[in-house]
Amino acid sequence: SLQSRYGGGPRLITPVQCGECLRELTELNRRRDHEHAIVHDSDKTYVDQGASWFIIDKHWLNSWLAFVNEESQGAIPGPITNERLLKDDGVTPKEGLQRGVSYRGVNKEVWAIF
């Protein structure tokens, strides 16, 4: 056994989480719930007159959806990046991008949450 091979304390029958780990997990779950609720309430399928869409790479959006999903609880997706949507110049959109498949538009309120 590992205990006899490496020494150490008593054998743990059930895993124990430290207080700091539990606090961090609680805070992360609060963040998931908060982001999910605000995006759910603010997301629209139309743009108000005079407003703009903000384009987000669907791959990044799927990472965020996995993060806020109660069952999967994926990793924090990190900063938004649309590199996959742009040519090497970093400005020109790649050809063949499909709305809803390659990217999605979101309103200003949702963009602010991301």
C-alpha atoms as a PDB file:
ATOM      1  CA  SER A   1       0.000   0.000   0.000  1.00  0.00           C
ATOM      2  CA  LEU A   2       1.052   3.622  -0.434  1.00  0.00           C
ATOM      3  CA  GLN A   3       1.013   4.170   3.314  1.00  0.00           C
ATOM      4  CA  SER A   4       3.500   1.380   3.970  1.00  0.00           C
ATOM      5  CA  ARG A   5       5.623   2.373   0.989  1.00  0.00           C
ATOM      6  CA  TYR A   6       5.838   6.119   1.661  1.00  0.00           C
ATOM      7  CA  GLY A   7       4.763   6.459   5.266  1.00  0.00           C
ATOM      8  CA  GLY A   8       2.373   9.161   6.304  1.00  0.00           C
ATOM      9  CA  GLY A   9      -0.578   9.600   8.542  1.00  0.00           C
ATOM     10  CA  PRO A  10      -3.597   7.457   9.128  1.00  0.00           C
ATOM     11  CA  ARG A  11      -5.460   5.961   6.200  1.00  0.00           C
ATOM     12  CA  LEU A  12      -8.387   8.101   5.006  1.00  0.00           C
ATOM     13  CA  ILE A  13     -11.584   6.157   4.505  1.00  0.00           C
ATOM     14  CA  THR A  14     -13.531   9.112   3.101  1.00  0.00           C
ATOM     15  CA  PRO A  15     -12.075  12.196   1.435  1.00  0.00           C
ATOM     16  CA  VAL A  16     -12.169  15.420   3.427  1.00  0.00           C
ATOM     17  CA  GLN A  17     -12.232  18.881   1.883  1.00  0.00           C
ATOM     18  CA  CYS A  18     -10.482  21.705   3.640  1.00  0.00           C
ATOM     19  CA  GLY A  19     -12.401  24.817   4.648  1.00  0.00           C
ATOM     20  CA  GLU A  20     -10.622  27.007   2.098  1.00  0.00           C
ATOM     21  CA  CYS A  21     -11.460  24.569  -0.719  1.00  0.00           C
ATOM     22  CA  LEU A  22     -15.113  24.559   0.295  1.00  0.00           C
ATOM     23  CA  ARG A  23     -15.210  28.378   0.380  1.00  0.00           C
ATOM     24  CA  GLU A  24     -13.641  28.576  -3.093  1.00  0.00           C
ATOM     25  CA  LEU A  25     -16.064  26.001  -4.463  1.00  0.00           C
ATOM     26  CA  THR A  26     -19.012  27.855  -2.949  1.00  0.00           C
ATOM     27  CA  GLU A  27     -17.823  31.136  -4.500  1.00  0.00           C
ATOM     28  CA  LEU A  28     -17.297  29.484  -7.893  1.00  0.00           C
ATOM     29  CA  ASN A  29     -20.801  28.012  -7.795  1.00  0.00           C
ATOM     30  CA  ARG A  30     -22.208  31.435  -6.878  1.00  0.00           C
ATOM     31  CA  ARG A  31     -20.396  32.894  -9.887  1.00  0.00           C
ATOM     32  CA  ARG A  32     -21.808  30.167 -12.159  1.00  0.00           C
ATOM     33  CA  ASP A  33     -25.344  30.775 -10.925  1.00  0.00           C
ATOM     34  CA  HIS A  34     -25.002  34.570 -11.129  1.00  0.00           C
ATOM     35  CA  GLU A  35     -23.613  34.599 -14.683  1.00  0.00           C
ATOM     36  CA  HIS A  36     -26.158  32.073 -15.897  1.00  0.00           C
ATOM     37  CA  ALA A  37     -29.093  33.997 -14.400  1.00  0.00           C
ATOM     38  CA  ILE A  38     -28.018  37.385 -15.760  1.00  0.00           C
ATOM     39  CA  VAL A  39     -27.300  36.069 -19.253  1.00  0.00           C
ATOM     40  CA  HIS A  40     -30.591  34.167 -19.263  1.00  0.00           C
ATOM     41  CA  ASP A  41     -32.485  37.332 -18.292  1.00  0.00           C
ATOM     42  CA  SER A  42     -30.580  39.668 -20.662  1.00  0.00           C
ATOM     43  CA  ASP A  43     -30.141  37.552 -23.794  1.00  0.00           C
ATOM     44  CA  LYS A  44     -32.338  38.451 -26.765  1.00  0.00           C
ATOM     45  CA  THR A  45     -32.864  37.100 -30.265  1.00  0.00           C
ATOM     46  CA  TYR A  46     -33.197  40.597 -31.704  1.00  0.00           C
ATOM     47  CA  VAL A  47     -31.281  43.866 -31.598  1.00  0.00           C
ATOM     48  CA  ASP A  48     -32.957  47.046 -30.409  1.00  0.00           C
ATOM     49  CA  GLN A  49     -32.917  49.883 -32.917  1.00  0.00           C
ATOM     50  CA  GLY A  50     -29.585  51.706 -32.727  1.00  0.00           C
ATOM     51  CA  ALA A  51     -27.931  48.881 -30.756  1.00  0.00           C
ATOM     52  CA  SER A  52     -25.187  46.546 -31.940  1.00  0.00           C
ATOM     53  CA  TRP A  53     -24.430  42.837 -31.784  1.00  0.00           C
ATOM     54  CA  PHE A  54     -21.196  41.650 -30.254  1.00  0.00           C
ATOM     55  CA  ILE A  55     -19.873  38.568 -32.050  1.00  0.00           C
ATOM     56  CA  ILE A  56     -18.567  35.646 -29.982  1.00  0.00           C
ATOM     57  CA  ASP A  57     -16.859  32.503 -31.225  1.00  0.00           C
ATOM     58  CA  LYS A  58     -19.280  29.609 -30.740  1.00  0.00           C
ATOM     59  CA  HIS A  59     -16.405  27.470 -29.424  1.00  0.00           C
ATOM     60  CA  TRP A  60     -15.810  29.963 -26.579  1.00  0.00           C
ATOM     61  CA  LEU A  61     -19.552  30.204 -25.947  1.00  0.00           C
ATOM     62  CA  ASN A  62     -19.807  26.412 -25.646  1.00  0.00           C
ATOM     63  CA  SER A  63     -16.978  26.526 -23.081  1.00  0.00           C
ATOM     64  CA  TRP A  64     -18.908  29.106 -21.080  1.00  0.00           C
ATOM     65  CA  LEU A  65     -22.100  27.039 -21.319  1.00  0.00           C
ATOM     66  CA  ALA A  66     -20.185  24.028 -19.951  1.00  0.00           C
ATOM     67  CA  PHE A  67     -18.877  26.242 -17.128  1.00  0.00           C
ATOM     68  CA  VAL A  68     -22.331  27.396 -16.001  1.00  0.00           C
ATOM     69  CA  ASN A  69     -24.007  24.022 -16.571  1.00  0.00           C
ATOM     70  CA  GLU A  70     -24.927  22.583 -13.185  1.00  0.00           C
ATOM     71  CA  GLU A  71     -24.122  19.008 -14.215  1.00  0.00           C
ATOM     72  CA  SER A  72     -20.866  19.444 -16.168  1.00  0.00           C
ATOM     73  CA  GLN A  73     -19.418  22.349 -14.139  1.00  0.00           C
ATOM     74  CA  GLY A  74     -16.690  22.886 -16.722  1.00  0.00           C
ATOM     75  CA  ALA A  75     -13.595  24.997 -16.281  1.00  0.00           C
ATOM     76  CA  ILE A  76     -13.717  28.800 -16.335  1.00  0.00           C
ATOM     77  CA  PRO A  77     -13.562  29.588 -20.066  1.00  0.00           C
ATOM     78  CA  GLY A  78     -11.015  32.405 -19.822  1.00  0.00           C
ATOM     79  CA  PRO A  79     -11.047  35.626 -21.839  1.00  0.00           C
ATOM     80  CA  ILE A  80     -13.148  35.805 -24.982  1.00  0.00           C
ATOM     81  CA  THR A  81     -11.128  35.173 -28.083  1.00  0.00           C
ATOM     82  CA  ASN A  82     -12.375  35.369 -31.637  1.00  0.00           C
ATOM     83  CA  GLU A  83      -9.068  34.301 -33.199  1.00  0.00           C
ATOM     84  CA  ARG A  84     -10.710  31.243 -34.759  1.00  0.00           C
ATOM     85  CA  LEU A  85     -13.051  33.560 -36.680  1.00  0.00           C
ATOM     86  CA  LEU A  86     -10.365  35.850 -38.136  1.00  0.00           C
ATOM     87  CA  LYS A  87      -7.698  35.599 -40.791  1.00  0.00           C
ATOM     88  CA  ASP A  88      -4.027  35.987 -39.848  1.00  0.00           C
ATOM     89  CA  ASP A  89      -4.300  39.787 -39.971  1.00  0.00           C
ATOM     90  CA  GLY A  90      -6.528  39.583 -36.874  1.00  0.00           C
ATOM     91  CA  VAL A  91      -9.181  41.818 -38.440  1.00  0.00           C
ATOM     92  CA  THR A  92     -10.661  40.167 -41.528  1.00  0.00           C
ATOM     93  CA  PRO A  93     -13.301  37.488 -40.919  1.00  0.00           C
ATOM     94  CA  LYS A  94     -12.557  34.064 -42.368  1.00  0.00           C
ATOM     95  CA  GLU A  95     -14.679  32.939 -45.297  1.00  0.00           C
ATOM     96  CA  GLY A  96     -17.418  30.387 -44.793  1.00  0.00           C
ATOM     97  CA  LEU A  97     -18.343  31.358 -41.231  1.00  0.00           C
ATOM     98  CA  GLN A  98     -21.916  30.415 -40.368  1.00  0.00           C
ATOM     99  CA  ARG A  99     -24.115  32.294 -37.929  1.00  0.00           C
ATOM    100  CA  GLY A 100     -25.129  29.999 -35.083  1.00  0.00           C
ATOM    101  CA  VAL A 101     -22.462  27.444 -36.017  1.00  0.00           C
ATOM    102  CA  SER A 102     -19.207  29.430 -36.075  1.00  0.00           C
ATOM    103  CA  TYR A 103     -20.334  32.412 -34.016  1.00  0.00           C
ATOM    104  CA  ARG A 104     -23.239  33.979 -32.204  1.00  0.00           C
ATOM    105  CA  GLY A 105     -24.232  37.568 -31.677  1.00  0.00           C
ATOM    106  CA  VAL A 106     -25.024  38.856 -28.194  1.00  0.00           C
ATOM    107  CA  ASN A 107     -26.248  42.204 -26.962  1.00  0.00           C
ATOM    108  CA  LYS A 108     -24.298  44.731 -24.897  1.00  0.00           C
ATOM    109  CA  GLU A 109     -25.618  43.450 -21.558  1.00  0.00           C
ATOM    110  CA  VAL A 110     -24.583  39.852 -22.232  1.00  0.00           C
ATOM    111  CA  TRP A 111     -21.196  40.961 -23.596  1.00  0.00           C
ATOM    112  CA  ALA A 112     -20.554  42.828 -20.331  1.00  0.00           C
ATOM    113  CA  ILE A 113     -21.120  39.628 -18.333  1.00  0.00           C
ATOM    114  CA  PHE A 114     -18.714  37.626 -20.501  1.00  0.00           C
END
